[in-house]
Amino acid sequence: MPNKKSAMKRLRSSKRKHERNRKHSGRARTAVSKARRLIERGQLEEAQEAVQEAVSALDKAASKGVIHKNNAARRKSRLMRRFNQAERAA
């Protein structure tokens, strides 16, 4: 537990930011896993919508500073590559 006043304030603010960041990172993580699950099952119609939702969630997380923009770009690229491969195979 911090002893100084500034450290206590820093702890409070970091807890607030942690909760805010968890909302965005959790939404992105859930959207990506849902899209990957649909791609693996071969449900490409639903997967396309889920991929769009995942891309949107990743972009929003990157814009809020929750994840780095290159991290979001890499995840989107990998997800789209999986989707396109599944689409070609079908």
Protein backbone atom coordinates (compact mmCIF):
# COMPACT_ATOMS: atom_id res chain seq x y z
CA MET A 1 0.00 0.00 0.00
CA PRO A 2 1.41 3.41 -0.91
CA ASN A 3 2.37 5.83 1.87
CA LYS A 4 2.63 9.10 -0.03
CA LYS A 5 -0.34 11.15 -1.09
CA SER A 6 0.71 11.25 -4.75
CA ALA A 7 1.23 7.47 -4.80
CA MET A 8 -2.24 6.91 -3.35
CA LYS A 9 -3.76 9.11 -6.02
CA ARG A 10 -1.76 7.28 -8.68
CA LEU A 11 -3.11 3.96 -7.38
CA ARG A 12 -6.69 5.21 -7.54
CA SER A 13 -6.32 6.55 -11.06
CA SER A 14 -4.57 3.42 -12.31
CA LYS A 15 -7.44 1.28 -10.96
CA ARG A 16 -9.93 3.46 -12.85
CA LYS A 17 -7.92 3.19 -16.05
CA HIS A 18 -7.50 -0.57 -15.58
CA GLU A 19 -11.27 -1.06 -15.40
CA ARG A 20 -11.82 1.15 -18.44
CA ASN A 21 -9.14 -0.67 -20.43
CA ARG A 22 -10.49 -4.10 -19.47
CA LYS A 23 -13.81 -3.24 -21.08
CA HIS A 24 -12.21 -2.53 -24.46
CA SER A 25 -9.63 -5.32 -24.40
CA GLY A 26 -12.24 -7.85 -23.26
CA ARG A 27 -14.62 -6.84 -26.03
CA ALA A 28 -11.86 -7.19 -28.61
CA ARG A 29 -10.69 -10.56 -27.26
CA THR A 30 -14.24 -11.94 -27.22
CA ALA A 31 -14.97 -10.72 -30.75
CA VAL A 32 -11.77 -12.25 -32.14
CA SER A 33 -12.35 -15.62 -30.47
CA LYS A 34 -15.96 -15.70 -31.69
CA ALA A 35 -14.83 -14.99 -35.25
CA ARG A 36 -12.12 -17.66 -35.10
CA ARG A 37 -14.60 -20.20 -33.75
CA LEU A 38 -17.04 -19.51 -36.59
CA ILE A 39 -14.25 -19.71 -39.18
CA GLU A 40 -13.13 -23.10 -37.83
CA ARG A 41 -16.70 -24.41 -37.95
CA GLY A 42 -17.02 -23.28 -41.55
CA GLN A 43 -19.94 -20.92 -40.95
CA LEU A 44 -18.61 -18.28 -43.29
CA GLU A 45 -21.73 -16.08 -43.48
CA GLU A 46 -21.75 -15.53 -39.72
CA ALA A 47 -17.97 -15.47 -39.64
CA GLN A 48 -17.83 -12.52 -42.02
CA GLU A 49 -20.02 -10.44 -39.71
CA ALA A 50 -18.01 -11.58 -36.70
CA VAL A 51 -14.74 -10.63 -38.41
CA GLN A 52 -16.07 -7.14 -39.12
CA GLU A 53 -17.13 -6.82 -35.50
CA ALA A 54 -13.70 -8.02 -34.33
CA VAL A 55 -11.91 -5.53 -36.59
CA SER A 56 -14.07 -2.75 -35.21
CA ALA A 57 -13.38 -3.80 -31.62
CA LEU A 58 -9.63 -3.98 -32.27
CA ASP A 59 -9.63 -0.55 -33.92
CA LYS A 60 -11.53 0.94 -31.01
CA ALA A 61 -9.13 -0.61 -28.48
CA ALA A 62 -6.18 0.76 -30.44
CA SER A 63 -7.71 4.22 -30.68
CA LYS A 64 -8.29 4.28 -26.91
CA GLY A 65 -4.68 3.30 -26.31
CA VAL A 66 -5.56 -0.02 -24.71
CA ILE A 67 -3.45 -1.92 -27.24
CA HIS A 68 -0.79 -0.63 -29.60
CA LYS A 69 -1.94 0.18 -33.13
CA ASN A 70 0.55 -2.30 -34.62
CA ASN A 71 -0.74 -5.00 -32.26
CA ALA A 72 -4.28 -4.35 -33.53
CA ALA A 73 -3.07 -4.38 -37.14
CA ARG A 74 -1.27 -7.69 -36.62
CA ARG A 75 -4.32 -9.33 -35.04
CA LYS A 76 -6.60 -8.05 -37.81
CA SER A 77 -4.19 -9.31 -40.45
CA ARG A 78 -4.02 -12.79 -38.94
CA LEU A 79 -7.78 -12.96 -38.56
CA MET A 80 -8.41 -11.85 -42.14
CA ARG A 81 -5.81 -14.33 -43.41
CA ARG A 82 -7.61 -17.18 -41.63
CA PHE A 83 -10.96 -16.04 -42.97
CA ASN A 84 -9.70 -15.74 -46.56
CA GLN A 85 -8.08 -19.18 -46.42
CA ALA A 86 -11.31 -20.71 -45.14
CA GLU A 87 -13.28 -18.90 -47.84
CA ARG A 88 -10.96 -20.24 -50.57
CA ALA A 89 -11.15 -23.77 -49.17
CA ALA A 90 -14.95 -23.73 -49.19
